[in-house]
Amino acid sequence: MEKIKLFCLPYAGSSATVYMKWKKYLHHSIQLIPIELAGRGKRIVEPLYTDIEEAVNDIYEKIQDELEDTPYAFFGHSMGSLLAFECIHKIRSQKKRMPETIFFSGKKPPHKKMDKIYHVLPNAEFIKEILEMGGTPKEIVEHKELLQIFIPILKADFRIVETYDYKEKGEVFDCDIVAMNGKQDNLTTDMGEWNKYTSGEFRIYNFDGDHFFIHDHLETVVNLINQELIIRRC
């Protein structure tokens, strides 16, 4: 069976390592390619992005040479979904090979405005709100030095999402779109409206859990990706 690449974009404040546990469950025909964003992980010394255009251009530069040789798909969770959406439009504008499937997880469609702005909050209030969302390791919050590193990264990422200005593209994708959502996630609404962005097939899957259901249901999420990328292609 022909290999398929899976580019994975992280959520706010995280690094490429959040996807490394997936390797254990991914089908052997899927090549996992977690994307490391500037300012974290192996790229910790690089400056953080100031807006989504800067982030998308950087991601595109990193992956453009890997788009033509084999089929590929994108997975993004939360901020990663928005980055994936804009990156794929960038790929199309450069007339590169388009993905076979896009997974948008834990993020309302791009035409839906944010209900609340977080990145302008004082640090203490900001962290309180972030902890209520879940997904942030307590050891980071309890470790003052780690927290000083973590807050600027997280606030920069939230700024990217919260200052994003959606512009009508005038053309939809022709690949399949798969939406994933936590039933108790109060940050996501109208996930079904992702269907507006494709002329291909659209499927939505709802999981028990909050914004970080992808961690609570890791094996189920990855098996679903296997189903979408391998079984449906057979």
C-alpha atoms as a PDB file:
ATOM      1  CA  MET A   1       0.000   0.000   0.000  1.00  0.00           C
ATOM      2  CA  GLU A   2       1.243   3.496  -0.861  1.00  0.00           C
ATOM      3  CA  LYS A   3       2.474   5.513   2.092  1.00  0.00           C
ATOM      4  CA  ILE A   4       0.593   8.622   3.181  1.00  0.00           C
ATOM      5  CA  LYS A   5       2.113  11.469   5.192  1.00  0.00           C
ATOM      6  CA  LEU A   6       0.256  12.952   8.149  1.00  0.00           C
ATOM      7  CA  PHE A   7       1.319  16.501   9.007  1.00  0.00           C
ATOM      8  CA  CYS A   8       0.220  17.337  12.567  1.00  0.00           C
ATOM      9  CA  LEU A   9      -0.012  20.889  13.871  1.00  0.00           C
ATOM     10  CA  PRO A  10      -0.049  21.490  17.645  1.00  0.00           C
ATOM     11  CA  TYR A  11      -2.466  23.440  19.806  1.00  0.00           C
ATOM     12  CA  ALA A  12      -1.554  26.673  21.613  1.00  0.00           C
ATOM     13  CA  GLY A  13       1.401  26.393  23.961  1.00  0.00           C
ATOM     14  CA  SER A  14       2.375  22.897  22.842  1.00  0.00           C
ATOM     15  CA  SER A  15       5.141  21.447  20.704  1.00  0.00           C
ATOM     16  CA  ALA A  16       5.474  18.674  18.139  1.00  0.00           C
ATOM     17  CA  THR A  17       6.046  16.165  20.939  1.00  0.00           C
ATOM     18  CA  VAL A  18       2.317  16.047  21.800  1.00  0.00           C
ATOM     19  CA  TYR A  19       1.840  13.747  18.793  1.00  0.00           C
ATOM     20  CA  MET A  20       4.729  11.356  19.423  1.00  0.00           C
ATOM     21  CA  LYS A  21       2.539   8.905  21.380  1.00  0.00           C
ATOM     22  CA  TRP A  22       0.496   8.390  18.204  1.00  0.00           C
ATOM     23  CA  LYS A  23       3.263   6.333  16.576  1.00  0.00           C
ATOM     24  CA  LYS A  24       2.323   3.301  18.651  1.00  0.00           C
ATOM     25  CA  TYR A  25      -1.197   3.184  17.178  1.00  0.00           C
ATOM     26  CA  LEU A  26      -0.836   4.610  13.671  1.00  0.00           C
ATOM     27  CA  HIS A  27      -1.077   2.234  10.718  1.00  0.00           C
ATOM     28  CA  HIS A  28       2.354   1.362   9.311  1.00  0.00           C
ATOM     29  CA  SER A  29       1.430   3.017   6.005  1.00  0.00           C
ATOM     30  CA  ILE A  30       0.991   6.416   7.698  1.00  0.00           C
ATOM     31  CA  GLN A  31       4.138   8.502   8.152  1.00  0.00           C
ATOM     32  CA  LEU A  32       3.712  10.792  11.150  1.00  0.00           C
ATOM     33  CA  ILE A  33       5.221  14.264  10.629  1.00  0.00           C
ATOM     34  CA  PRO A  34       4.637  16.490  13.666  1.00  0.00           C
ATOM     35  CA  ILE A  35       5.375  20.135  12.823  1.00  0.00           C
ATOM     36  CA  GLU A  36       7.525  22.042  15.314  1.00  0.00           C
ATOM     37  CA  LEU A  37       6.548  25.691  15.518  1.00  0.00           C
ATOM     38  CA  ALA A  38       9.017  28.475  16.238  1.00  0.00           C
ATOM     39  CA  GLY A  39       9.746  29.321  19.864  1.00  0.00           C
ATOM     40  CA  ARG A  40       9.273  25.874  21.391  1.00  0.00           C
ATOM     41  CA  GLY A  41      10.772  22.397  21.483  1.00  0.00           C
ATOM     42  CA  LYS A  42      13.806  22.120  19.216  1.00  0.00           C
ATOM     43  CA  ARG A  43      13.129  25.673  18.003  1.00  0.00           C
ATOM     44  CA  ILE A  44      12.932  27.270  21.459  1.00  0.00           C
ATOM     45  CA  VAL A  45      15.546  29.956  20.652  1.00  0.00           C
ATOM     46  CA  GLU A  46      13.622  31.236  17.617  1.00  0.00           C
ATOM     47  CA  PRO A  47      11.291  34.240  18.005  1.00  0.00           C
ATOM     48  CA  LEU A  48       7.570  33.579  18.427  1.00  0.00           C
ATOM     49  CA  TYR A  49       5.175  34.432  15.613  1.00  0.00           C
ATOM     50  CA  THR A  50       3.449  37.797  15.632  1.00  0.00           C
ATOM     51  CA  ASP A  51       0.491  36.796  13.450  1.00  0.00           C
ATOM     52  CA  ILE A  52      -0.978  33.857  11.573  1.00  0.00           C
ATOM     53  CA  GLU A  53       0.512  34.867   8.219  1.00  0.00           C
ATOM     54  CA  GLU A  54       4.013  34.631   9.663  1.00  0.00           C
ATOM     55  CA  ALA A  55       3.231  31.221  11.156  1.00  0.00           C
ATOM     56  CA  VAL A  56       1.720  29.876   7.926  1.00  0.00           C
ATOM     57  CA  ASN A  57       4.630  31.081   5.801  1.00  0.00           C
ATOM     58  CA  ASP A  58       7.064  29.383   8.164  1.00  0.00           C
ATOM     59  CA  ILE A  59       5.129  26.089   8.155  1.00  0.00           C
ATOM     60  CA  TYR A  60       4.904  26.160   4.363  1.00  0.00           C
ATOM     61  CA  GLU A  61       8.662  26.740   4.017  1.00  0.00           C
ATOM     62  CA  LYS A  62       9.312  23.729   6.255  1.00  0.00           C
ATOM     63  CA  ILE A  63       7.079  21.279   4.390  1.00  0.00           C
ATOM     64  CA  GLN A  64       6.872  22.465   0.763  1.00  0.00           C
ATOM     65  CA  ASP A  65       9.462  19.973  -0.480  1.00  0.00           C
ATOM     66  CA  GLU A  66       7.515  17.066   1.026  1.00  0.00           C
ATOM     67  CA  LEU A  67       4.201  17.729  -0.698  1.00  0.00           C
ATOM     68  CA  GLU A  68       4.717  16.240  -4.128  1.00  0.00           C
ATOM     69  CA  ASP A  69       6.142  12.731  -3.765  1.00  0.00           C
ATOM     70  CA  THR A  70       3.373  10.961  -1.793  1.00  0.00           C
ATOM     71  CA  PRO A  71      -0.242  11.561  -0.753  1.00  0.00           C
ATOM     72  CA  TYR A  72      -0.658  13.441   2.502  1.00  0.00           C
ATOM     73  CA  ALA A  73      -3.177  14.649   5.071  1.00  0.00           C
ATOM     74  CA  PHE A  74      -3.296  17.371   7.724  1.00  0.00           C
ATOM     75  CA  PHE A  75      -4.350  17.132  11.359  1.00  0.00           C
ATOM     76  CA  GLY A  76      -4.703  20.188  13.552  1.00  0.00           C
ATOM     77  CA  HIS A  77      -6.100  20.548  17.038  1.00  0.00           C
ATOM     78  CA  SER A  78      -7.465  23.895  18.273  1.00  0.00           C
ATOM     79  CA  MET A  79      -4.969  26.539  17.041  1.00  0.00           C
ATOM     80  CA  GLY A  80      -3.479  23.795  14.880  1.00  0.00           C
ATOM     81  CA  SER A  81      -6.754  23.532  12.952  1.00  0.00           C
ATOM     82  CA  LEU A  82      -6.660  27.221  12.074  1.00  0.00           C
ATOM     83  CA  LEU A  83      -3.008  26.953  11.023  1.00  0.00           C
ATOM     84  CA  ALA A  84      -3.824  23.898   8.899  1.00  0.00           C
ATOM     85  CA  PHE A  85      -6.745  25.708   7.231  1.00  0.00           C
ATOM     86  CA  GLU A  86      -4.639  28.709   6.220  1.00  0.00           C
ATOM     87  CA  CYS A  87      -1.612  26.585   5.324  1.00  0.00           C
ATOM     88  CA  ILE A  88      -3.638  24.495   2.887  1.00  0.00           C
ATOM     89  CA  HIS A  89      -4.876  27.673   1.214  1.00  0.00           C
ATOM     90  CA  LYS A  90      -1.232  28.734   0.937  1.00  0.00           C
ATOM     91  CA  ILE A  91      -0.378  25.364  -0.613  1.00  0.00           C
ATOM     92  CA  ARG A  92      -3.154  25.781  -3.167  1.00  0.00           C
ATOM     93  CA  SER A  93      -2.023  29.328  -4.016  1.00  0.00           C
ATOM     94  CA  GLN A  94       1.415  27.881  -4.799  1.00  0.00           C
ATOM     95  CA  LYS A  95      -0.199  25.232  -7.037  1.00  0.00           C
ATOM     96  CA  LYS A  96       1.207  22.363  -4.997  1.00  0.00           C
ATOM     97  CA  ARG A  97      -0.372  18.942  -4.583  1.00  0.00           C
ATOM     98  CA  MET A  98      -3.376  19.175  -2.237  1.00  0.00           C
ATOM     99  CA  PRO A  99      -4.098  16.889   0.747  1.00  0.00           C
ATOM    100  CA  GLU A 100      -6.400  13.906   0.528  1.00  0.00           C
ATOM    101  CA  THR A 101      -8.008  14.531   3.927  1.00  0.00           C
ATOM    102  CA  ILE A 102      -8.010  17.336   6.495  1.00  0.00           C
ATOM    103  CA  PHE A 103      -8.766  16.696  10.164  1.00  0.00           C
ATOM    104  CA  PHE A 104     -10.041  19.760  12.024  1.00  0.00           C
ATOM    105  CA  SER A 105     -10.161  19.031  15.746  1.00  0.00           C
ATOM    106  CA  GLY A 106     -11.346  21.117  18.696  1.00  0.00           C
ATOM    107  CA  LYS A 107     -11.758  24.372  16.742  1.00  0.00           C
ATOM    108  CA  LYS A 108     -14.865  26.130  15.541  1.00  0.00           C
ATOM    109  CA  PRO A 109     -14.882  26.999  11.796  1.00  0.00           C
ATOM    110  CA  PRO A 110     -12.767  30.033  10.833  1.00  0.00           C
ATOM    111  CA  HIS A 111     -15.739  32.277  10.032  1.00  0.00           C
ATOM    112  CA  LYS A 112     -16.896  31.997  13.658  1.00  0.00           C
ATOM    113  CA  LYS A 113     -15.494  34.685  15.965  1.00  0.00           C
ATOM    114  CA  MET A 114     -13.918  33.911  19.332  1.00  0.00           C
ATOM    115  CA  ASP A 115     -16.351  34.295  22.235  1.00  0.00           C
ATOM    116  CA  LYS A 116     -13.701  35.672  24.585  1.00  0.00           C
ATOM    117  CA  ILE A 117     -10.272  37.274  24.273  1.00  0.00           C
ATOM    118  CA  TYR A 118      -7.655  35.767  26.575  1.00  0.00           C
ATOM    119  CA  HIS A 119      -4.227  36.998  25.483  1.00  0.00           C
ATOM    120  CA  VAL A 120      -4.722  40.510  26.922  1.00  0.00           C
ATOM    121  CA  LEU A 121      -5.534  39.243  30.429  1.00  0.00           C
ATOM    122  CA  PRO A 122      -3.078  39.757  33.318  1.00  0.00           C
ATOM    123  CA  ASN A 123      -0.872  36.692  33.746  1.00  0.00           C
ATOM    124  CA  ALA A 124      -2.575  35.374  36.892  1.00  0.00           C
ATOM    125  CA  GLU A 125      -6.049  35.619  35.387  1.00  0.00           C
ATOM    126  CA  PHE A 126      -4.806  34.225  32.086  1.00  0.00           C
ATOM    127  CA  ILE A 127      -3.341  31.121  33.733  1.00  0.00           C
ATOM    128  CA  LYS A 128      -6.534  30.621  35.763  1.00  0.00           C
ATOM    129  CA  GLU A 129      -8.566  30.582  32.537  1.00  0.00           C
ATOM    130  CA  ILE A 130      -6.106  28.228  30.841  1.00  0.00           C
ATOM    131  CA  LEU A 131      -6.217  25.763  33.715  1.00  0.00           C
ATOM    132  CA  GLU A 132     -10.008  25.662  33.493  1.00  0.00           C
ATOM    133  CA  MET A 133      -9.709  24.573  29.869  1.00  0.00           C
ATOM    134  CA  GLY A 134      -7.607  21.581  30.936  1.00  0.00           C
ATOM    135  CA  GLY A 135      -4.616  20.125  29.129  1.00  0.00           C
ATOM    136  CA  THR A 136      -1.923  22.161  30.910  1.00  0.00           C
ATOM    137  CA  PRO A 137       0.369  20.007  33.077  1.00  0.00           C
ATOM    138  CA  LYS A 138       0.177  21.104  36.723  1.00  0.00           C
ATOM    139  CA  GLU A 139       3.955  20.806  37.073  1.00  0.00           C
ATOM    140  CA  ILE A 140       4.336  23.749  34.695  1.00  0.00           C
ATOM    141  CA  VAL A 141       2.012  25.940  36.747  1.00  0.00           C
ATOM    142  CA  GLU A 142       3.653  24.917  40.008  1.00  0.00           C
ATOM    143  CA  HIS A 143       7.185  25.522  38.697  1.00  0.00           C
ATOM    144  CA  LYS A 144       7.833  29.276  38.587  1.00  0.00           C
ATOM    145  CA  GLU A 145      10.733  29.078  36.122  1.00  0.00           C
ATOM    146  CA  LEU A 146       8.782  26.874  33.695  1.00  0.00           C
ATOM    147  CA  LEU A 147       5.786  29.162  33.998  1.00  0.00           C
ATOM    148  CA  GLN A 148       7.871  32.173  32.985  1.00  0.00           C
ATOM    149  CA  ILE A 149       8.826  30.330  29.785  1.00  0.00           C
ATOM    150  CA  PHE A 150       5.351  28.968  29.152  1.00  0.00           C
ATOM    151  CA  ILE A 151       3.223  32.129  29.524  1.00  0.00           C
ATOM    152  CA  PRO A 152       4.824  34.139  26.649  1.00  0.00           C
ATOM    153  CA  ILE A 153       4.503  31.150  24.292  1.00  0.00           C
ATOM    154  CA  LEU A 154       0.885  30.559  25.219  1.00  0.00           C
ATOM    155  CA  LYS A 155      -0.070  34.232  25.029  1.00  0.00           C
ATOM    156  CA  ALA A 156       1.608  34.592  21.632  1.00  0.00           C
ATOM    157  CA  ASP A 157      -0.337  31.596  20.338  1.00  0.00           C
ATOM    158  CA  PHE A 158      -3.621  32.906  21.700  1.00  0.00           C
ATOM    159  CA  ARG A 159      -2.888  36.276  20.098  1.00  0.00           C
ATOM    160  CA  ILE A 160      -2.461  34.558  16.723  1.00  0.00           C
ATOM    161  CA  VAL A 161      -5.894  32.950  17.030  1.00  0.00           C
ATOM    162  CA  GLU A 162      -7.713  35.875  18.629  1.00  0.00           C
ATOM    163  CA  THR A 163      -6.473  38.503  16.170  1.00  0.00           C
ATOM    164  CA  TYR A 164      -7.153  36.266  13.172  1.00  0.00           C
ATOM    165  CA  ASP A 165      -9.306  38.031  10.598  1.00  0.00           C
ATOM    166  CA  TYR A 166     -11.140  35.536   8.413  1.00  0.00           C
ATOM    167  CA  LYS A 167     -11.376  36.509   4.760  1.00  0.00           C
ATOM    168  CA  GLU A 168     -13.676  34.728   2.324  1.00  0.00           C
ATOM    169  CA  LYS A 169     -11.563  32.552   0.016  1.00  0.00           C
ATOM    170  CA  GLY A 170     -14.133  32.163  -2.722  1.00  0.00           C
ATOM    171  CA  GLU A 171     -13.203  28.547  -3.357  1.00  0.00           C
ATOM    172  CA  VAL A 172     -13.643  25.418  -1.247  1.00  0.00           C
ATOM    173  CA  PHE A 173     -11.366  22.391  -0.913  1.00  0.00           C
ATOM    174  CA  ASP A 174     -12.149  19.251  -2.911  1.00  0.00           C
ATOM    175  CA  CYS A 175     -10.693  16.817  -0.366  1.00  0.00           C
ATOM    176  CA  ASP A 176     -12.528  15.142   2.512  1.00  0.00           C
ATOM    177  CA  ILE A 177     -12.878  17.050   5.770  1.00  0.00           C
ATOM    178  CA  VAL A 178     -13.201  15.254   9.100  1.00  0.00           C
ATOM    179  CA  ALA A 179     -14.215  17.273  12.167  1.00  0.00           C
ATOM    180  CA  MET A 180     -13.612  16.040  15.726  1.00  0.00           C
ATOM    181  CA  ASN A 181     -15.142  17.548  18.812  1.00  0.00           C
ATOM    182  CA  GLY A 182     -15.383  17.087  22.577  1.00  0.00           C
ATOM    183  CA  LYS A 183     -19.033  17.007  23.668  1.00  0.00           C
ATOM    184  CA  GLN A 184     -18.260  19.005  26.817  1.00  0.00           C
ATOM    185  CA  ASP A 185     -15.963  21.499  25.085  1.00  0.00           C
ATOM    186  CA  ASN A 186     -17.416  24.972  25.628  1.00  0.00           C
ATOM    187  CA  LEU A 187     -14.876  26.515  23.242  1.00  0.00           C
ATOM    188  CA  THR A 188     -16.255  24.834  20.125  1.00  0.00           C
ATOM    189  CA  THR A 189     -19.607  25.510  18.509  1.00  0.00           C
ATOM    190  CA  ASP A 190     -21.062  24.798  15.101  1.00  0.00           C
ATOM    191  CA  MET A 191     -18.448  22.172  14.223  1.00  0.00           C
ATOM    192  CA  GLY A 192     -20.816  20.925  11.543  1.00  0.00           C
ATOM    193  CA  GLU A 193     -20.216  24.146   9.606  1.00  0.00           C
ATOM    194  CA  TRP A 194     -16.773  22.889   8.591  1.00  0.00           C
ATOM    195  CA  ASN A 195     -18.747  21.196   5.809  1.00  0.00           C
ATOM    196  CA  LYS A 196     -18.930  24.587   4.071  1.00  0.00           C
ATOM    197  CA  TYR A 197     -15.258  24.336   3.213  1.00  0.00           C
ATOM    198  CA  THR A 198     -15.263  21.268   0.991  1.00  0.00           C
ATOM    199  CA  SER A 199     -16.941  19.911  -2.114  1.00  0.00           C
ATOM    200  CA  GLY A 200     -15.764  16.465  -1.016  1.00  0.00           C
ATOM    201  CA  GLU A 201     -17.137  14.316   1.785  1.00  0.00           C
ATOM    202  CA  PHE A 202     -17.626  15.658   5.294  1.00  0.00           C
ATOM    203  CA  ARG A 203     -17.789  13.623   8.495  1.00  0.00           C
ATOM    204  CA  ILE A 204     -18.004  14.718  12.116  1.00  0.00           C
ATOM    205  CA  TYR A 205     -17.165  12.663  15.205  1.00  0.00           C
ATOM    206  CA  ASN A 206     -18.084  13.666  18.752  1.00  0.00           C
ATOM    207  CA  PHE A 207     -16.185  12.353  21.785  1.00  0.00           C
ATOM    208  CA  ASP A 208     -16.982  12.433  25.469  1.00  0.00           C
ATOM    209  CA  GLY A 209     -14.688  14.983  27.042  1.00  0.00           C
ATOM    210  CA  ASP A 210     -13.612  18.607  27.051  1.00  0.00           C
ATOM    211  CA  HIS A 211     -11.260  20.590  24.833  1.00  0.00           C
ATOM    212  CA  PHE A 212      -8.477  18.032  25.227  1.00  0.00           C
ATOM    213  CA  PHE A 213     -10.461  14.906  24.397  1.00  0.00           C
ATOM    214  CA  ILE A 214      -7.643  13.928  22.008  1.00  0.00           C
ATOM    215  CA  HIS A 215      -5.541  12.983  25.042  1.00  0.00           C
ATOM    216  CA  ASP A 216      -8.328  11.185  26.916  1.00  0.00           C
ATOM    217  CA  HIS A 217      -9.251   9.151  23.810  1.00  0.00           C
ATOM    218  CA  LEU A 218      -5.817   8.925  22.182  1.00  0.00           C
ATOM    219  CA  GLU A 219      -6.118   5.374  20.853  1.00  0.00           C
ATOM    220  CA  THR A 220      -9.679   5.913  19.596  1.00  0.00           C
ATOM    221  CA  VAL A 221      -8.701   9.156  17.841  1.00  0.00           C
ATOM    222  CA  VAL A 222      -5.721   7.512  16.132  1.00  0.00           C
ATOM    223  CA  ASN A 223      -7.781   4.486  15.113  1.00  0.00           C
ATOM    224  CA  LEU A 224     -10.274   6.859  13.552  1.00  0.00           C
ATOM    225  CA  ILE A 225      -7.442   8.470  11.590  1.00  0.00           C
ATOM    226  CA  ASN A 226      -6.326   5.012  10.474  1.00  0.00           C
ATOM    227  CA  GLN A 227      -9.869   4.320   9.315  1.00  0.00           C
ATOM    228  CA  GLU A 228     -10.110   7.569   7.396  1.00  0.00           C
ATOM    229  CA  LEU A 229      -6.689   7.403   5.745  1.00  0.00           C
ATOM    230  CA  ILE A 230      -6.252   3.678   5.165  1.00  0.00           C
ATOM    231  CA  ILE A 231      -9.540   1.767   5.196  1.00  0.00           C
ATOM    232  CA  ARG A 232     -11.445   4.336   3.128  1.00  0.00           C
ATOM    233  CA  ARG A 233      -8.636   4.357   0.556  1.00  0.00           C
ATOM    234  CA  CYS A 234      -8.667   0.580   0.069  1.00  0.00           C
END
